Amino acid sequence: MIRRFVLLTIISGLMFALTGCGGGGGGGETTPVSTSPTTAILKLNILGIPSGTLIGGIQVTFTLPSGVSLATNPATGEIASGVVTISGVANGSFGAQSYDPNTRLVSVAIINATGFGNGEYMTITASIASGSTVTTSSFPAQATAVSVIDTLGNSLSGFTLPISVTLQ
């Protein structure tokens, strides 16, 4: 009988203790902060070049969405250093780029005497204006080819030029 009483007392004590536990509900709450992206990282790619074919030169254009721009040197109007970098399969290539802030048109070109194959060839860091509503789907899915040649100067075709975008 005493065992039963002690056991019931312990169980009752545990039940009271557990019913007192909960989510709290008081204090410590914070209002979530809405953060909009301020930077877009664009990775330019080329896919579909036949095996054994090396790209000797590529020139493409695309238009940035409204509210997105590239940093420029105020004195010269040229794209600021570090905004456009040759990357991935094209490392070691020589590049040139231009940007028209009025139309948001970006034009980039790469030449490489030894050539490169399929893959990412350029990274571009763009700025997103405060208050702009920009998503990854705001950016073009593909760049437009102006010229793509192999290391012998022959025009290439049958490729795609996807642009992948990460917002930060």
C-alpha atoms as a PDB file:
ATOM      1  CA  MET A   1       0.000   0.000   0.000  1.00  0.00           C
ATOM      2  CA  ILE A   2       2.827   2.406   0.875  1.00  0.00           C
ATOM      3  CA  ARG A   3       4.582   1.474  -2.360  1.00  0.00           C
ATOM      4  CA  ARG A   4       1.472   2.321  -4.305  1.00  0.00           C
ATOM      5  CA  PHE A   5       1.127   5.666  -2.504  1.00  0.00           C
ATOM      6  CA  VAL A   6       4.800   6.563  -3.146  1.00  0.00           C
ATOM      7  CA  LEU A   7       4.494   5.550  -6.815  1.00  0.00           C
ATOM      8  CA  LEU A   8       1.320   7.642  -7.292  1.00  0.00           C
ATOM      9  CA  THR A   9       2.966  10.607  -5.541  1.00  0.00           C
ATOM     10  CA  ILE A  10       5.995  10.423  -7.850  1.00  0.00           C
ATOM     11  CA  ILE A  11       3.829  10.097 -10.967  1.00  0.00           C
ATOM     12  CA  SER A  12       1.600  12.994  -9.855  1.00  0.00           C
ATOM     13  CA  GLY A  13       4.652  15.159  -9.173  1.00  0.00           C
ATOM     14  CA  LEU A  14       6.034  14.422 -12.628  1.00  0.00           C
ATOM     15  CA  MET A  15       2.684  15.199 -14.257  1.00  0.00           C
ATOM     16  CA  PHE A  16       2.494  18.574 -12.480  1.00  0.00           C
ATOM     17  CA  ALA A  17       6.078  19.368 -13.451  1.00  0.00           C
ATOM     18  CA  LEU A  18       5.517  18.469 -17.099  1.00  0.00           C
ATOM     19  CA  THR A  19       2.306  20.451 -17.446  1.00  0.00           C
ATOM     20  CA  GLY A  20       4.210  23.524 -16.275  1.00  0.00           C
ATOM     21  CA  CYS A  21       6.669  23.180 -19.165  1.00  0.00           C
ATOM     22  CA  GLY A  22       5.793  24.728 -22.457  1.00  0.00           C
ATOM     23  CA  GLY A  23       6.759  27.122 -25.147  1.00  0.00           C
ATOM     24  CA  GLY A  24       7.191  29.984 -22.756  1.00  0.00           C
ATOM     25  CA  GLY A  25       5.416  32.627 -24.739  1.00  0.00           C
ATOM     26  CA  GLY A  26       6.822  35.561 -22.856  1.00  0.00           C
ATOM     27  CA  GLY A  27       9.631  37.837 -23.898  1.00  0.00           C
ATOM     28  CA  GLY A  28      12.553  37.142 -26.167  1.00  0.00           C
ATOM     29  CA  GLU A  29      10.468  37.432 -29.300  1.00  0.00           C
ATOM     30  CA  THR A  30      11.913  39.297 -32.237  1.00  0.00           C
ATOM     31  CA  THR A  31      10.312  40.628 -35.351  1.00  0.00           C
ATOM     32  CA  PRO A  32      11.870  39.030 -38.429  1.00  0.00           C
ATOM     33  CA  VAL A  33      13.977  41.446 -40.422  1.00  0.00           C
ATOM     34  CA  SER A  34      13.223  41.532 -44.122  1.00  0.00           C
ATOM     35  CA  THR A  35      16.428  41.620 -46.112  1.00  0.00           C
ATOM     36  CA  SER A  36      16.481  42.302 -49.806  1.00  0.00           C
ATOM     37  CA  PRO A  37      19.413  41.175 -51.915  1.00  0.00           C
ATOM     38  CA  THR A  38      21.984  43.855 -52.716  1.00  0.00           C
ATOM     39  CA  THR A  39      24.251  41.843 -55.009  1.00  0.00           C
ATOM     40  CA  ALA A  40      23.768  39.501 -57.949  1.00  0.00           C
ATOM     41  CA  ILE A  41      26.530  37.081 -58.925  1.00  0.00           C
ATOM     42  CA  LEU A  42      26.208  36.079 -62.589  1.00  0.00           C
ATOM     43  CA  LYS A  43      28.067  33.055 -63.950  1.00  0.00           C
ATOM     44  CA  LEU A  44      28.307  32.964 -67.749  1.00  0.00           C
ATOM     45  CA  ASN A  45      28.578  29.502 -69.278  1.00  0.00           C
ATOM     46  CA  ILE A  46      28.942  27.893 -72.676  1.00  0.00           C
ATOM     47  CA  LEU A  47      27.617  24.390 -73.284  1.00  0.00           C
ATOM     48  CA  GLY A  48      27.291  22.136 -76.321  1.00  0.00           C
ATOM     49  CA  ILE A  49      30.721  22.625 -77.892  1.00  0.00           C
ATOM     50  CA  PRO A  50      31.710  19.267 -79.461  1.00  0.00           C
ATOM     51  CA  SER A  51      34.347  17.216 -77.673  1.00  0.00           C
ATOM     52  CA  GLY A  52      37.814  18.034 -78.995  1.00  0.00           C
ATOM     53  CA  THR A  53      36.810  21.535 -80.128  1.00  0.00           C
ATOM     54  CA  LEU A  54      38.434  24.393 -78.241  1.00  0.00           C
ATOM     55  CA  ILE A  55      37.001  27.898 -78.031  1.00  0.00           C
ATOM     56  CA  GLY A  56      39.500  30.544 -79.101  1.00  0.00           C
ATOM     57  CA  GLY A  57      37.188  33.511 -78.708  1.00  0.00           C
ATOM     58  CA  ILE A  58      33.728  34.380 -77.493  1.00  0.00           C
ATOM     59  CA  GLN A  59      31.775  37.630 -77.461  1.00  0.00           C
ATOM     60  CA  VAL A  60      28.308  37.845 -75.906  1.00  0.00           C
ATOM     61  CA  THR A  61      25.818  40.481 -74.804  1.00  0.00           C
ATOM     62  CA  PHE A  62      22.890  40.574 -72.398  1.00  0.00           C
ATOM     63  CA  THR A  63      20.755  43.185 -70.675  1.00  0.00           C
ATOM     64  CA  LEU A  64      20.552  43.536 -66.908  1.00  0.00           C
ATOM     65  CA  PRO A  65      17.080  43.905 -65.381  1.00  0.00           C
ATOM     66  CA  SER A  66      15.804  47.250 -64.128  1.00  0.00           C
ATOM     67  CA  GLY A  67      17.323  48.144 -60.747  1.00  0.00           C
ATOM     68  CA  VAL A  68      20.540  46.211 -61.432  1.00  0.00           C
ATOM     69  CA  SER A  69      23.796  47.848 -62.495  1.00  0.00           C
ATOM     70  CA  LEU A  70      27.534  47.341 -62.715  1.00  0.00           C
ATOM     71  CA  ALA A  71      29.905  49.514 -60.727  1.00  0.00           C
ATOM     72  CA  THR A  72      31.877  51.858 -62.954  1.00  0.00           C
ATOM     73  CA  ASN A  73      34.885  54.112 -62.557  1.00  0.00           C
ATOM     74  CA  PRO A  74      33.408  57.630 -62.278  1.00  0.00           C
ATOM     75  CA  ALA A  75      36.404  59.197 -64.025  1.00  0.00           C
ATOM     76  CA  THR A  76      36.403  56.930 -67.094  1.00  0.00           C
ATOM     77  CA  GLY A  77      32.957  55.303 -67.197  1.00  0.00           C
ATOM     78  CA  GLU A  78      34.629  51.910 -67.562  1.00  0.00           C
ATOM     79  CA  ILE A  79      33.495  48.908 -65.540  1.00  0.00           C
ATOM     80  CA  ALA A  80      35.205  49.024 -62.135  1.00  0.00           C
ATOM     81  CA  SER A  81      38.053  46.650 -61.423  1.00  0.00           C
ATOM     82  CA  GLY A  82      36.952  43.274 -60.037  1.00  0.00           C
ATOM     83  CA  VAL A  83      33.349  43.505 -61.293  1.00  0.00           C
ATOM     84  CA  VAL A  84      34.022  41.210 -64.270  1.00  0.00           C
ATOM     85  CA  THR A  85      36.453  38.324 -63.837  1.00  0.00           C
ATOM     86  CA  ILE A  86      37.445  35.499 -66.142  1.00  0.00           C
ATOM     87  CA  SER A  87      36.760  32.260 -64.299  1.00  0.00           C
ATOM     88  CA  GLY A  88      36.334  28.521 -64.629  1.00  0.00           C
ATOM     89  CA  VAL A  89      37.405  26.933 -67.923  1.00  0.00           C
ATOM     90  CA  ALA A  90      38.646  30.253 -69.335  1.00  0.00           C
ATOM     91  CA  ASN A  91      41.171  31.082 -66.585  1.00  0.00           C
ATOM     92  CA  GLY A  92      44.278  32.520 -68.205  1.00  0.00           C
ATOM     93  CA  SER A  93      42.326  34.148 -71.046  1.00  0.00           C
ATOM     94  CA  PHE A  94      42.368  37.813 -72.000  1.00  0.00           C
ATOM     95  CA  GLY A  95      39.054  39.634 -71.655  1.00  0.00           C
ATOM     96  CA  ALA A  96      37.402  42.917 -72.504  1.00  0.00           C
ATOM     97  CA  GLN A  97      34.032  44.256 -71.431  1.00  0.00           C
ATOM     98  CA  SER A  98      31.738  47.229 -71.796  1.00  0.00           C
ATOM     99  CA  TYR A  99      28.586  48.409 -70.070  1.00  0.00           C
ATOM    100  CA  ASP A 100      26.015  51.045 -70.980  1.00  0.00           C
ATOM    101  CA  PRO A 101      24.267  52.199 -67.773  1.00  0.00           C
ATOM    102  CA  ASN A 102      21.429  53.819 -69.773  1.00  0.00           C
ATOM    103  CA  THR A 103      20.374  50.616 -71.545  1.00  0.00           C
ATOM    104  CA  ARG A 104      21.938  48.223 -68.978  1.00  0.00           C
ATOM    105  CA  LEU A 105      23.566  46.374 -71.916  1.00  0.00           C
ATOM    106  CA  VAL A 106      26.624  44.318 -70.969  1.00  0.00           C
ATOM    107  CA  SER A 107      29.066  43.152 -73.654  1.00  0.00           C
ATOM    108  CA  VAL A 108      31.944  40.823 -72.803  1.00  0.00           C
ATOM    109  CA  ALA A 109      34.600  39.116 -74.889  1.00  0.00           C
ATOM    110  CA  ILE A 110      37.374  36.611 -74.224  1.00  0.00           C
ATOM    111  CA  ILE A 111      40.243  35.393 -76.384  1.00  0.00           C
ATOM    112  CA  ASN A 112      42.500  32.464 -75.622  1.00  0.00           C
ATOM    113  CA  ALA A 113      45.206  31.211 -78.019  1.00  0.00           C
ATOM    114  CA  THR A 114      45.260  27.698 -76.521  1.00  0.00           C
ATOM    115  CA  GLY A 115      41.477  27.485 -76.208  1.00  0.00           C
ATOM    116  CA  PHE A 116      39.007  26.276 -73.608  1.00  0.00           C
ATOM    117  CA  GLY A 117      36.006  23.961 -73.551  1.00  0.00           C
ATOM    118  CA  ASN A 118      32.488  23.835 -72.155  1.00  0.00           C
ATOM    119  CA  GLY A 119      31.703  25.361 -68.780  1.00  0.00           C
ATOM    120  CA  GLU A 120      31.724  28.571 -66.794  1.00  0.00           C
ATOM    121  CA  TYR A 121      33.956  31.206 -68.355  1.00  0.00           C
ATOM    122  CA  MET A 122      33.126  34.486 -66.598  1.00  0.00           C
ATOM    123  CA  THR A 123      31.795  35.839 -63.289  1.00  0.00           C
ATOM    124  CA  ILE A 124      30.112  39.236 -63.036  1.00  0.00           C
ATOM    125  CA  THR A 125      29.192  40.958 -59.765  1.00  0.00           C
ATOM    126  CA  ALA A 126      26.253  43.334 -60.157  1.00  0.00           C
ATOM    127  CA  SER A 127      24.685  45.751 -57.667  1.00  0.00           C
ATOM    128  CA  ILE A 128      20.965  45.752 -56.885  1.00  0.00           C
ATOM    129  CA  ALA A 129      19.501  49.177 -56.080  1.00  0.00           C
ATOM    130  CA  SER A 130      17.769  49.618 -52.736  1.00  0.00           C
ATOM    131  CA  GLY A 131      14.011  49.187 -53.073  1.00  0.00           C
ATOM    132  CA  SER A 132      14.279  47.151 -56.284  1.00  0.00           C
ATOM    133  CA  THR A 133      12.301  43.945 -56.551  1.00  0.00           C
ATOM    134  CA  VAL A 134      14.649  41.545 -58.306  1.00  0.00           C
ATOM    135  CA  THR A 135      14.543  37.746 -58.443  1.00  0.00           C
ATOM    136  CA  THR A 136      16.774  35.298 -60.287  1.00  0.00           C
ATOM    137  CA  SER A 137      14.078  35.037 -62.969  1.00  0.00           C
ATOM    138  CA  SER A 138      14.433  38.809 -63.589  1.00  0.00           C
ATOM    139  CA  PHE A 139      17.744  38.081 -65.335  1.00  0.00           C
ATOM    140  CA  PRO A 140      18.064  36.699 -68.858  1.00  0.00           C
ATOM    141  CA  ALA A 141      18.406  32.906 -68.936  1.00  0.00           C
ATOM    142  CA  GLN A 142      20.813  33.080 -71.882  1.00  0.00           C
ATOM    143  CA  ALA A 143      23.394  35.489 -73.227  1.00  0.00           C
ATOM    144  CA  THR A 144      23.227  36.406 -76.921  1.00  0.00           C
ATOM    145  CA  ALA A 145      26.211  35.282 -78.990  1.00  0.00           C
ATOM    146  CA  VAL A 146      27.883  37.956 -81.080  1.00  0.00           C
ATOM    147  CA  SER A 147      30.719  35.648 -82.091  1.00  0.00           C
ATOM    148  CA  VAL A 148      32.110  32.300 -80.950  1.00  0.00           C
ATOM    149  CA  ILE A 149      35.157  30.910 -82.756  1.00  0.00           C
ATOM    150  CA  ASP A 150      37.519  27.993 -82.313  1.00  0.00           C
ATOM    151  CA  THR A 151      41.297  28.350 -82.009  1.00  0.00           C
ATOM    152  CA  LEU A 152      41.606  28.291 -85.834  1.00  0.00           C
ATOM    153  CA  GLY A 153      39.164  31.191 -86.263  1.00  0.00           C
ATOM    154  CA  ASN A 154      36.243  29.069 -87.502  1.00  0.00           C
ATOM    155  CA  SER A 155      32.755  30.123 -86.382  1.00  0.00           C
ATOM    156  CA  LEU A 156      31.067  27.705 -83.990  1.00  0.00           C
ATOM    157  CA  SER A 157      27.357  26.964 -83.647  1.00  0.00           C
ATOM    158  CA  GLY A 158      25.011  24.585 -81.837  1.00  0.00           C
ATOM    159  CA  PHE A 159      25.917  25.801 -78.347  1.00  0.00           C
ATOM    160  CA  THR A 160      23.934  27.411 -75.528  1.00  0.00           C
ATOM    161  CA  LEU A 161      25.005  30.339 -73.338  1.00  0.00           C
ATOM    162  CA  PRO A 162      23.201  29.937 -70.000  1.00  0.00           C
ATOM    163  CA  ILE A 163      23.561  32.522 -67.252  1.00  0.00           C
ATOM    164  CA  SER A 164      23.218  31.334 -63.660  1.00  0.00           C
ATOM    165  CA  VAL A 165      22.392  33.940 -61.015  1.00  0.00           C
ATOM    166  CA  THR A 166      22.824  33.940 -57.245  1.00  0.00           C
ATOM    167  CA  LEU A 167      21.343  36.783 -55.192  1.00  0.00           C
ATOM    168  CA  GLN A 168      23.040  37.853 -51.972  1.00  0.00           C
END
